[in-house]
PDB file of N, CA and C in Angstrom:
ATOM      1  N   MET A   1     -16.034   7.537   6.821  1.00  0.00           N
ATOM      2  CA  MET A   1     -15.275   6.503   6.139  1.00  0.00           C
ATOM      3  C   MET A   1     -14.418   7.166   5.059  1.00  0.00           C
ATOM      4  N   THR A   2     -13.279   6.596   4.810  1.00  0.00           N
ATOM      5  CA  THR A   2     -12.363   7.119   3.798  1.00  0.00           C
ATOM      6  C   THR A   2     -12.292   6.145   2.618  1.00  0.00           C
ATOM      7  N   TYR A   3     -11.605   6.557   1.568  1.00  0.00           N
ATOM      8  CA  TYR A   3     -11.388   5.674   0.430  1.00  0.00           C
ATOM      9  C   TYR A   3      -9.936   5.768  -0.005  1.00  0.00           C
ATOM     10  N   ARG A   4      -9.521   4.717  -0.733  1.00  0.00           N
ATOM     11  CA  ARG A   4      -8.151   4.669  -1.233  1.00  0.00           C
ATOM     12  C   ARG A   4      -8.139   3.865  -2.529  1.00  0.00           C
ATOM     13  N   PHE A   5      -7.454   4.397  -3.541  1.00  0.00           N
ATOM     14  CA  PHE A   5      -7.239   3.669  -4.794  1.00  0.00           C
ATOM     15  C   PHE A   5      -6.016   2.787  -4.626  1.00  0.00           C
ATOM     16  N   ILE A   6      -6.117   1.515  -5.009  1.00  0.00           N
ATOM     17  CA  ILE A   6      -4.897   0.723  -5.091  1.00  0.00           C
ATOM     18  C   ILE A   6      -4.179   1.158  -6.368  1.00  0.00           C
ATOM     19  N   ALA A   7      -2.874   0.899  -6.433  1.00  0.00           N
ATOM     20  CA  ALA A   7      -2.055   1.417  -7.538  1.00  0.00           C
ATOM     21  C   ALA A   7      -2.583   1.046  -8.930  1.00  0.00           C
ATOM     22  N   PRO A   8      -2.956  -0.207  -9.190  1.00  0.00           N
ATOM     23  CA  PRO A   8      -3.462  -0.518 -10.539  1.00  0.00           C
ATOM     24  C   PRO A   8      -4.752   0.224 -10.882  1.00  0.00           C
ATOM     25  N   ALA A   9      -5.622   0.427  -9.905  1.00  0.00           N
ATOM     26  CA  ALA A   9      -6.864   1.170 -10.143  1.00  0.00           C
ATOM     27  C   ALA A   9      -6.552   2.633 -10.442  1.00  0.00           C
ATOM     28  N   ARG A  10      -5.604   3.203  -9.720  1.00  0.00           N
ATOM     29  CA  ARG A  10      -5.190   4.594  -9.974  1.00  0.00           C
ATOM     30  C   ARG A  10      -4.618   4.711 -11.379  1.00  0.00           C
ATOM     31  N   ALA A  11      -3.833   3.708 -11.809  1.00  0.00           N
ATOM     32  CA  ALA A  11      -3.263   3.733 -13.156  1.00  0.00           C
ATOM     33  C   ALA A  11      -4.369   3.648 -14.213  1.00  0.00           C
ATOM     34  N   GLU A  12      -5.379   2.797 -13.999  1.00  0.00           N
ATOM     35  CA  GLU A  12      -6.507   2.716 -14.926  1.00  0.00           C
ATOM     36  C   GLU A  12      -7.232   4.053 -15.006  1.00  0.00           C
ATOM     37  N   PHE A  13      -7.474   4.644 -13.846  1.00  0.00           N
ATOM     38  CA  PHE A  13      -8.167   5.927 -13.773  1.00  0.00           C
ATOM     39  C   PHE A  13      -7.378   7.002 -14.518  1.00  0.00           C
ATOM     40  N   ASP A  14      -6.093   7.116 -14.238  1.00  0.00           N
ATOM     41  CA  ASP A  14      -5.262   8.128 -14.895  1.00  0.00           C
ATOM     42  C   ASP A  14      -5.224   7.930 -16.407  1.00  0.00           C
ATOM     43  N   ALA A  15      -5.127   6.674 -16.851  1.00  0.00           N
ATOM     44  CA  ALA A  15      -5.100   6.389 -18.287  1.00  0.00           C
ATOM     45  C   ALA A  15      -6.418   6.794 -18.950  1.00  0.00           C
ATOM     46  N   ALA A  16      -7.529   6.539 -18.277  1.00  0.00           N
ATOM     47  CA  ALA A  16      -8.832   6.918 -18.828  1.00  0.00           C
ATOM     48  C   ALA A  16      -8.979   8.435 -18.892  1.00  0.00           C
ATOM     49  N   VAL A  17      -8.527   9.136 -17.860  1.00  0.00           N
ATOM     50  CA  VAL A  17      -8.561  10.608 -17.871  1.00  0.00           C
ATOM     51  C   VAL A  17      -7.758  11.123 -19.058  1.00  0.00           C
ATOM     52  N   ASP A  18      -6.555  10.591 -19.247  1.00  0.00           N
ATOM     53  CA  ASP A  18      -5.707  11.015 -20.366  1.00  0.00           C
ATOM     54  C   ASP A  18      -6.374  10.719 -21.712  1.00  0.00           C
ATOM     55  N   TRP A  19      -6.992   9.550 -21.836  1.00  0.00           N
ATOM     56  CA  TRP A  19      -7.640   9.164 -23.087  1.00  0.00           C
ATOM     57  C   TRP A  19      -8.761  10.147 -23.420  1.00  0.00           C
ATOM     58  N   TYR A  20      -9.621  10.432 -22.440  1.00  0.00           N
ATOM     59  CA  TYR A  20     -10.723  11.374 -22.686  1.00  0.00           C
ATOM     60  C   TYR A  20     -10.205  12.777 -22.977  1.00  0.00           C
ATOM     61  N   GLU A  21      -9.180  13.194 -22.270  1.00  0.00           N
ATOM     62  CA  GLU A  21      -8.623  14.534 -22.492  1.00  0.00           C
ATOM     63  C   GLU A  21      -8.034  14.660 -23.894  1.00  0.00           C
ATOM     64  N   ALA A  22      -7.453  13.575 -24.408  1.00  0.00           N
ATOM     65  CA  ALA A  22      -6.895  13.586 -25.759  1.00  0.00           C
ATOM     66  C   ALA A  22      -7.998  13.695 -26.813  1.00  0.00           C
ATOM     67  N   ARG A  23      -9.198  13.243 -26.470  1.00  0.00           N
ATOM     68  CA  ARG A  23     -10.320  13.307 -27.401  1.00  0.00           C
ATOM     69  C   ARG A  23     -10.891  14.711 -27.481  1.00  0.00           C
ATOM     70  N   ARG A  24     -10.979  15.386 -26.325  1.00  0.00           N
ATOM     71  CA  ARG A  24     -11.517  16.747 -26.296  1.00  0.00           C
ATOM     72  C   ARG A  24     -11.053  17.435 -25.017  1.00  0.00           C
ATOM     73  N   ALA A  25     -10.538  18.622 -25.145  1.00  0.00           N
ATOM     74  CA  ALA A  25     -10.062  19.377 -23.984  1.00  0.00           C
ATOM     75  C   ALA A  25     -11.185  19.526 -22.961  1.00  0.00           C
ATOM     76  N   GLY A  26     -10.890  19.189 -21.730  1.00  0.00           N
ATOM     77  CA  GLY A  26     -11.861  19.301 -20.648  1.00  0.00           C
ATOM     78  C   GLY A  26     -12.650  18.032 -20.381  1.00  0.00           C
ATOM     79  N   LEU A  27     -12.683  17.115 -21.353  1.00  0.00           N
ATOM     80  CA  LEU A  27     -13.449  15.883 -21.171  1.00  0.00           C
ATOM     81  C   LEU A  27     -12.811  14.982 -20.121  1.00  0.00           C
ATOM     82  N   GLY A  28     -11.492  15.006 -20.045  1.00  0.00           N
ATOM     83  CA  GLY A  28     -10.804  14.228 -19.008  1.00  0.00           C
ATOM     84  C   GLY A  28     -11.180  14.711 -17.616  1.00  0.00           C
ATOM     85  N   ASP A  29     -11.284  16.032 -17.458  1.00  0.00           N
ATOM     86  CA  ASP A  29     -11.714  16.588 -16.168  1.00  0.00           C
ATOM     87  C   ASP A  29     -13.156  16.209 -15.859  1.00  0.00           C
ATOM     88  N   ASP A  30     -14.012  16.217 -16.880  1.00  0.00           N
ATOM     89  CA  ASP A  30     -15.404  15.805 -16.679  1.00  0.00           C
ATOM     90  C   ASP A  30     -15.465  14.352 -16.211  1.00  0.00           C
ATOM     91  N   PHE A  31     -14.664  13.506 -16.856  1.00  0.00           N
ATOM     92  CA  PHE A  31     -14.629  12.095 -16.466  1.00  0.00           C
ATOM     93  C   PHE A  31     -14.165  11.957 -15.015  1.00  0.00           C
ATOM     94  N   ALA A  32     -13.088  12.631 -14.667  1.00  0.00           N
ATOM     95  CA  ALA A  32     -12.567  12.559 -13.298  1.00  0.00           C
ATOM     96  C   ALA A  32     -13.614  13.025 -12.299  1.00  0.00           C
ATOM     97  N   ASP A  33     -14.310  14.113 -12.612  1.00  0.00           N
ATOM     98  CA  ASP A  33     -15.362  14.616 -11.721  1.00  0.00           C
ATOM     99  C   ASP A  33     -16.450  13.571 -11.503  1.00  0.00           C
ATOM    100  N   GLU A  34     -16.848  12.883 -12.559  1.00  0.00           N
ATOM    101  CA  GLU A  34     -17.900  11.868 -12.444  1.00  0.00           C
ATOM    102  C   GLU A  34     -17.424  10.650 -11.649  1.00  0.00           C
ATOM    103  N   VAL A  35     -16.163  10.260 -11.842  1.00  0.00           N
ATOM    104  CA  VAL A  35     -15.632   9.137 -11.052  1.00  0.00           C
ATOM    105  C   VAL A  35     -15.606   9.512  -9.579  1.00  0.00           C
ATOM    106  N   TYR A  36     -15.111  10.695  -9.264  1.00  0.00           N
ATOM    107  CA  TYR A  36     -15.073  11.117  -7.854  1.00  0.00           C
ATOM    108  C   TYR A  36     -16.475  11.265  -7.275  1.00  0.00           C
ATOM    109  N   ALA A  37     -17.448  11.684  -8.084  1.00  0.00           N
ATOM    110  CA  ALA A  37     -18.832  11.760  -7.606  1.00  0.00           C
ATOM    111  C   ALA A  37     -19.350  10.365  -7.262  1.00  0.00           C
ATOM    112  N   ALA A  38     -19.025   9.382  -8.095  1.00  0.00           N
ATOM    113  CA  ALA A  38     -19.431   8.000  -7.820  1.00  0.00           C
ATOM    114  C   ALA A  38     -18.770   7.494  -6.539  1.00  0.00           C
ATOM    115  N   VAL A  39     -17.503   7.811  -6.362  1.00  0.00           N
ATOM    116  CA  VAL A  39     -16.790   7.384  -5.155  1.00  0.00           C
ATOM    117  C   VAL A  39     -17.392   8.044  -3.916  1.00  0.00           C
ATOM    118  N   ARG A  40     -17.756   9.315  -4.007  1.00  0.00           N
ATOM    119  CA  ARG A  40     -18.397   9.992  -2.865  1.00  0.00           C
ATOM    120  C   ARG A  40     -19.722   9.325  -2.500  1.00  0.00           C
ATOM    121  N   LYS A  41     -20.504   8.907  -3.512  1.00  0.00           N
ATOM    122  CA  LYS A  41     -21.754   8.206  -3.241  1.00  0.00           C
ATOM    123  C   LYS A  41     -21.481   6.878  -2.536  1.00  0.00           C
ATOM    124  N   VAL A  42     -20.436   6.190  -2.974  1.00  0.00           N
ATOM    125  CA  VAL A  42     -20.064   4.919  -2.346  1.00  0.00           C
ATOM    126  C   VAL A  42     -19.660   5.139  -0.893  1.00  0.00           C
ATOM    127  N   VAL A  43     -18.851   6.139  -0.651  1.00  0.00           N
ATOM    128  CA  VAL A  43     -18.399   6.419   0.718  1.00  0.00           C
ATOM    129  C   VAL A  43     -19.598   6.736   1.615  1.00  0.00           C
ATOM    130  N   ALA A  44     -20.568   7.464   1.083  1.00  0.00           N
ATOM    131  CA  ALA A  44     -21.743   7.830   1.863  1.00  0.00           C
ATOM    132  C   ALA A  44     -22.636   6.622   2.164  1.00  0.00           C
ATOM    133  N   ASN A  45     -22.688   5.664   1.238  1.00  0.00           N
ATOM    134  CA  ASN A  45     -23.550   4.502   1.417  1.00  0.00           C
ATOM    135  C   ASN A  45     -22.950   3.299   0.686  1.00  0.00           C
ATOM    136  N   PRO A  46     -21.934   2.671   1.257  1.00  0.00           N
ATOM    137  CA  PRO A  46     -21.189   1.628   0.543  1.00  0.00           C
ATOM    138  C   PRO A  46     -21.988   0.377   0.197  1.00  0.00           C
ATOM    139  N   HIS A  47     -23.066   0.121   0.906  1.00  0.00           N
ATOM    140  CA  HIS A  47     -23.844  -1.097   0.657  1.00  0.00           C
ATOM    141  C   HIS A  47     -24.997  -0.876  -0.320  1.00  0.00           C
ATOM    142  N   ALA A  48     -25.097   0.309  -0.893  1.00  0.00           N
ATOM    143  CA  ALA A  48     -26.203   0.630  -1.793  1.00  0.00           C
ATOM    144  C   ALA A  48     -26.040   0.022  -3.181  1.00  0.00           C
ATOM    145  N   TYR A  49     -24.874  -0.409  -3.523  1.00  0.00           N
ATOM    146  CA  TYR A  49     -24.604  -0.868  -4.882  1.00  0.00           C
ATOM    147  C   TYR A  49     -24.426  -2.383  -4.916  1.00  0.00           C
ATOM    148  N   SER A  50     -24.617  -2.947  -6.088  1.00  0.00           N
ATOM    149  CA  SER A  50     -24.642  -4.398  -6.245  1.00  0.00           C
ATOM    150  C   SER A  50     -23.312  -5.058  -5.936  1.00  0.00           C
ATOM    151  N   ARG A  51     -23.423  -6.224  -5.320  1.00  0.00           N
ATOM    152  CA  ARG A  51     -22.240  -7.068  -5.141  1.00  0.00           C
ATOM    153  C   ARG A  51     -21.820  -7.604  -6.507  1.00  0.00           C
ATOM    154  N   VAL A  52     -20.536  -7.820  -6.661  1.00  0.00           N
ATOM    155  CA  VAL A  52     -19.994  -8.352  -7.906  1.00  0.00           C
ATOM    156  C   VAL A  52     -20.042  -9.873  -7.838  1.00  0.00           C
ATOM    157  N   LEU A  53     -20.627 -10.480  -8.871  1.00  0.00           N
ATOM    158  CA  LEU A  53     -20.678 -11.935  -8.924  1.00  0.00           C
ATOM    159  C   LEU A  53     -19.272 -12.503  -9.047  1.00  0.00           C
ATOM    160  N   GLY A  54     -19.033 -13.594  -8.371  1.00  0.00           N
ATOM    161  CA  GLY A  54     -17.734 -14.250  -8.464  1.00  0.00           C
ATOM    162  C   GLY A  54     -16.685 -13.695  -7.530  1.00  0.00           C
ATOM    163  N   ALA A  55     -17.087 -12.840  -6.606  1.00  0.00           N
ATOM    164  CA  ALA A  55     -16.120 -12.303  -5.642  1.00  0.00           C
ATOM    165  C   ALA A  55     -15.642 -13.430  -4.741  1.00  0.00           C
ATOM    166  N   PRO A  56     -14.376 -13.421  -4.373  1.00  0.00           N
ATOM    167  CA  PRO A  56     -13.863 -14.460  -3.490  1.00  0.00           C
ATOM    168  C   PRO A  56     -14.611 -14.467  -2.154  1.00  0.00           C
ATOM    169  N   PRO A  57     -14.775 -15.637  -1.573  1.00  0.00           N
ATOM    170  CA  PRO A  57     -15.452 -15.719  -0.276  1.00  0.00           C
ATOM    171  C   PRO A  57     -14.762 -14.829   0.758  1.00  0.00           C
ATOM    172  N   GLY A  58     -15.574 -14.182   1.551  1.00  0.00           N
ATOM    173  CA  GLY A  58     -15.030 -13.342   2.605  1.00  0.00           C
ATOM    174  C   GLY A  58     -14.709 -11.918   2.183  1.00  0.00           C
ATOM    175  N   ARG A  59     -14.865 -11.604   0.909  1.00  0.00           N
ATOM    176  CA  ARG A  59     -14.598 -10.244   0.433  1.00  0.00           C
ATOM    177  C   ARG A  59     -15.892  -9.625  -0.063  1.00  0.00           C
ATOM    178  N   GLU A  60     -16.192  -8.434   0.413  1.00  0.00           N
ATOM    179  CA  GLU A  60     -17.395  -7.728  -0.008  1.00  0.00           C
ATOM    180  C   GLU A  60     -17.020  -6.745  -1.111  1.00  0.00           C
ATOM    181  N   ILE A  61     -17.125  -7.232  -2.349  1.00  0.00           N
ATOM    182  CA  ILE A  61     -16.749  -6.434  -3.510  1.00  0.00           C
ATOM    183  C   ILE A  61     -18.017  -6.032  -4.247  1.00  0.00           C
ATOM    184  N   ARG A  62     -18.122  -4.749  -4.528  1.00  0.00           N
ATOM    185  CA  ARG A  62     -19.295  -4.172  -5.172  1.00  0.00           C
ATOM    186  C   ARG A  62     -18.846  -3.277  -6.312  1.00  0.00           C
ATOM    187  N   ALA A  63     -19.797  -2.823  -7.121  1.00  0.00           N
ATOM    188  CA  ALA A  63     -19.466  -1.933  -8.241  1.00  0.00           C
ATOM    189  C   ALA A  63     -20.540  -0.874  -8.402  1.00  0.00           C
ATOM    190  N   VAL A  64     -20.095   0.294  -8.833  1.00  0.00           N
ATOM    191  CA  VAL A  64     -20.991   1.413  -9.114  1.00  0.00           C
ATOM    192  C   VAL A  64     -20.676   1.915 -10.520  1.00  0.00           C
ATOM    193  N   LYS A  65     -21.737   2.277 -11.258  1.00  0.00           N
ATOM    194  CA  LYS A  65     -21.550   2.829 -12.596  1.00  0.00           C
ATOM    195  C   LYS A  65     -21.280   4.323 -12.491  1.00  0.00           C
ATOM    196  N   VAL A  66     -20.402   4.798 -13.336  1.00  0.00           N
ATOM    197  CA  VAL A  66     -20.059   6.218 -13.401  1.00  0.00           C
ATOM    198  C   VAL A  66     -21.068   6.910 -14.316  1.00  0.00           C
ATOM    199  N   ASN A  67     -21.674   7.980 -13.841  1.00  0.00           N
ATOM    200  CA  ASN A  67     -22.621   8.745 -14.663  1.00  0.00           C
ATOM    201  C   ASN A  67     -21.925   9.314 -15.894  1.00  0.00           C
ATOM    202  N   ARG A  68     -22.677   9.387 -17.009  1.00  0.00           N
ATOM    203  CA  ARG A  68     -22.241   9.969 -18.280  1.00  0.00           C
ATOM    204  C   ARG A  68     -21.192   9.155 -19.019  1.00  0.00           C
ATOM    205  N   PHE A  69     -20.520   8.257 -18.362  1.00  0.00           N
ATOM    206  CA  PHE A  69     -19.456   7.478 -18.986  1.00  0.00           C
ATOM    207  C   PHE A  69     -19.745   6.000 -18.722  1.00  0.00           C
ATOM    208  N   ASN A  70     -19.415   5.172 -19.669  1.00  0.00           N
ATOM    209  CA  ASN A  70     -19.684   3.743 -19.532  1.00  0.00           C
ATOM    210  C   ASN A  70     -18.537   3.057 -18.768  1.00  0.00           C
ATOM    211  N   TYR A  71     -18.351   3.480 -17.537  1.00  0.00           N
ATOM    212  CA  TYR A  71     -17.288   2.954 -16.684  1.00  0.00           C
ATOM    213  C   TYR A  71     -17.872   2.429 -15.386  1.00  0.00           C
ATOM    214  N   LEU A  72     -17.199   1.437 -14.824  1.00  0.00           N
ATOM    215  CA  LEU A  72     -17.559   0.877 -13.525  1.00  0.00           C
ATOM    216  C   LEU A  72     -16.403   1.072 -12.564  1.00  0.00           C
ATOM    217  N   VAL A  73     -16.734   1.367 -11.338  1.00  0.00           N
ATOM    218  CA  VAL A  73     -15.746   1.432 -10.262  1.00  0.00           C
ATOM    219  C   VAL A  73     -16.028   0.245  -9.350  1.00  0.00           C
ATOM    220  N   ALA A  74     -15.099  -0.705  -9.316  1.00  0.00           N
ATOM    221  CA  ALA A  74     -15.214  -1.850  -8.411  1.00  0.00           C
ATOM    222  C   ALA A  74     -14.498  -1.486  -7.121  1.00  0.00           C
ATOM    223  N   TYR A  75     -15.128  -1.821  -6.002  1.00  0.00           N
ATOM    224  CA  TYR A  75     -14.556  -1.461  -4.711  1.00  0.00           C
ATOM    225  C   TYR A  75     -14.833  -2.549  -3.688  1.00  0.00           C
ATOM    226  N   GLU A  76     -14.013  -2.561  -2.664  1.00  0.00           N
ATOM    227  CA  GLU A  76     -14.192  -3.496  -1.565  1.00  0.00           C
ATOM    228  C   GLU A  76     -14.544  -2.709  -0.316  1.00  0.00           C
ATOM    229  N   VAL A  77     -15.564  -3.179   0.382  1.00  0.00           N
ATOM    230  CA  VAL A  77     -15.978  -2.546   1.625  1.00  0.00           C
ATOM    231  C   VAL A  77     -15.172  -3.186   2.758  1.00  0.00           C
ATOM    232  N   LEU A  78     -14.348  -2.377   3.391  1.00  0.00           N
ATOM    233  CA  LEU A  78     -13.555  -2.813   4.543  1.00  0.00           C
ATOM    234  C   LEU A  78     -14.088  -2.102   5.785  1.00  0.00           C
ATOM    235  N   PRO A  79     -13.747  -2.564   6.975  1.00  0.00           N
ATOM    236  CA  PRO A  79     -14.287  -1.935   8.183  1.00  0.00           C
ATOM    237  C   PRO A  79     -14.014  -0.438   8.301  1.00  0.00           C
ATOM    238  N   SER A  80     -12.849   0.010   7.857  1.00  0.00           N
ATOM    239  CA  SER A  80     -12.513   1.418   8.066  1.00  0.00           C
ATOM    240  C   SER A  80     -12.337   2.227   6.789  1.00  0.00           C
ATOM    241  N   GLU A  81     -12.445   1.585   5.619  1.00  0.00           N
ATOM    242  CA  GLU A  81     -12.258   2.321   4.378  1.00  0.00           C
ATOM    243  C   GLU A  81     -12.881   1.591   3.195  1.00  0.00           C
ATOM    244  N   ILE A  82     -13.017   2.326   2.115  1.00  0.00           N
ATOM    245  CA  ILE A  82     -13.428   1.770   0.827  1.00  0.00           C
ATOM    246  C   ILE A  82     -12.160   1.649  -0.012  1.00  0.00           C
ATOM    247  N   LEU A  83     -11.898   0.462  -0.495  1.00  0.00           N
ATOM    248  CA  LEU A  83     -10.710   0.213  -1.305  1.00  0.00           C
ATOM    249  C   LEU A  83     -11.136   0.138  -2.763  1.00  0.00           C
ATOM    250  N   ILE A  84     -10.700   1.109  -3.572  1.00  0.00           N
ATOM    251  CA  ILE A  84     -11.032   1.134  -4.996  1.00  0.00           C
ATOM    252  C   ILE A  84     -10.109   0.143  -5.701  1.00  0.00           C
ATOM    253  N   LEU A  85     -10.715  -0.892  -6.293  1.00  0.00           N
ATOM    254  CA  LEU A  85      -9.950  -1.979  -6.909  1.00  0.00           C
ATOM    255  C   LEU A  85      -9.769  -1.825  -8.409  1.00  0.00           C
ATOM    256  N   SER A  86     -10.731  -1.146  -9.054  1.00  0.00           N
ATOM    257  CA  SER A  86     -10.686  -1.069 -10.506  1.00  0.00           C
ATOM    258  C   SER A  86     -11.548   0.087 -10.998  1.00  0.00           C
ATOM    259  N   VAL A  87     -11.068   0.753 -12.038  1.00  0.00           N
ATOM    260  CA  VAL A  87     -11.848   1.767 -12.764  1.00  0.00           C
ATOM    261  C   VAL A  87     -11.721   1.352 -14.224  1.00  0.00           C
ATOM    262  N   ARG A  88     -12.779   0.715 -14.734  1.00  0.00           N
ATOM    263  CA  ARG A  88     -12.658   0.139 -16.073  1.00  0.00           C
ATOM    264  C   ARG A  88     -13.906   0.374 -16.897  1.00  0.00           C
ATOM    265  N   HIS A  89     -13.704   0.333 -18.207  1.00  0.00           N
ATOM    266  CA  HIS A  89     -14.820   0.471 -19.123  1.00  0.00           C
ATOM    267  C   HIS A  89     -15.762  -0.714 -18.913  1.00  0.00           C
ATOM    268  N   ALA A  90     -17.050  -0.450 -18.905  1.00  0.00           N
ATOM    269  CA  ALA A  90     -18.038  -1.487 -18.607  1.00  0.00           C
ATOM    270  C   ALA A  90     -18.092  -2.580 -19.670  1.00  0.00           C
ATOM    271  N   ARG A  91     -17.644  -2.302 -20.876  1.00  0.00           N
ATOM    272  CA  ARG A  91     -17.663  -3.315 -21.932  1.00  0.00           C
ATOM    273  C   ARG A  91     -16.417  -4.197 -21.921  1.00  0.00           C
ATOM    274  N   ARG A  92     -15.445  -3.815 -21.156  1.00  0.00           N
ATOM    275  CA  ARG A  92     -14.218  -4.613 -21.088  1.00  0.00           C
ATOM    276  C   ARG A  92     -14.504  -5.906 -20.345  1.00  0.00           C
ATOM    277  N   ARG A  93     -14.067  -6.978 -20.904  1.00  0.00           N
ATOM    278  CA  ARG A  93     -14.306  -8.284 -20.292  1.00  0.00           C
ATOM    279  C   ARG A  93     -13.310  -8.552 -19.189  1.00  0.00           C
ATOM    280  N   GLY A  94     -13.695  -9.464 -18.324  1.00  0.00           N
ATOM    281  CA  GLY A  94     -12.819  -9.870 -17.246  1.00  0.00           C
ATOM    282  C   GLY A  94     -13.017  -9.023 -16.006  1.00  0.00           C
ATOM    283  N   GLN A  95     -12.385  -9.445 -14.968  1.00  0.00           N
ATOM    284  CA  GLN A  95     -12.465  -8.757 -13.685  1.00  0.00           C
ATOM    285  C   GLN A  95     -11.045  -8.551 -13.163  1.00  0.00           C
ATOM    286  N   PRO A  96     -10.399  -7.482 -13.568  1.00  0.00           N
ATOM    287  CA  PRO A  96      -8.995  -7.292 -13.200  1.00  0.00           C
ATOM    288  C   PRO A  96      -8.780  -7.238 -11.690  1.00  0.00           C
ATOM    289  N   TRP A  97      -9.789  -6.832 -10.946  1.00  0.00           N
ATOM    290  CA  TRP A  97      -9.658  -6.742  -9.497  1.00  0.00           C
ATOM    291  C   TRP A  97      -9.444  -8.104  -8.852  1.00  0.00           C
ATOM    292  N   ARG A  98      -9.825  -9.189  -9.542  1.00  0.00           N
ATOM    293  CA  ARG A  98      -9.670 -10.536  -8.955  1.00  0.00           C
ATOM    294  C   ARG A  98      -8.203 -10.862  -8.682  1.00  0.00           C
ATOM    295  N   ARG A  99      -7.309 -10.260  -9.436  1.00  0.00           N
ATOM    296  CA  ARG A  99      -5.875 -10.537  -9.257  1.00  0.00           C
ATOM    297  C   ARG A  99      -5.219  -9.502  -8.349  1.00  0.00           C
ATOM    298  N   ARG A 100      -6.020  -8.666  -7.743  1.00  0.00           N
ATOM    299  CA  ARG A 100      -5.481  -7.578  -6.908  1.00  0.00           C
ATOM    300  C   ARG A 100      -5.827  -7.826  -5.449  1.00  0.00           C
ATOM    301  N   PRO A 101      -4.991  -7.304  -4.548  1.00  0.00           N
ATOM    302  CA  PRO A 101      -5.239  -7.541  -3.114  1.00  0.00           C
ATOM    303  C   PRO A 101      -6.541  -6.927  -2.633  1.00  0.00           C
TER     304      PRO A 101
END
């Protein structure tokens, strides 16, 4: 199975990498490594993580926590790929993926 970031999720991810890198050299790379590790775990076993409450009917949307960082990766399980919908801080309110395809 493959994965793909939708554009808004990629923008969130890139912004978070930049934010961490601005705090300390190398921290942005550490964050990126942990996000990709979480995505690899999802690709290996997409149904292992909790479904997101309030997901629209017919969509299998789940989330995985990123190790070492208080971030969640929301994703949709599709027949042939994992669609990354959001990479956001876990304390941020709302579900930005709800407005995304």
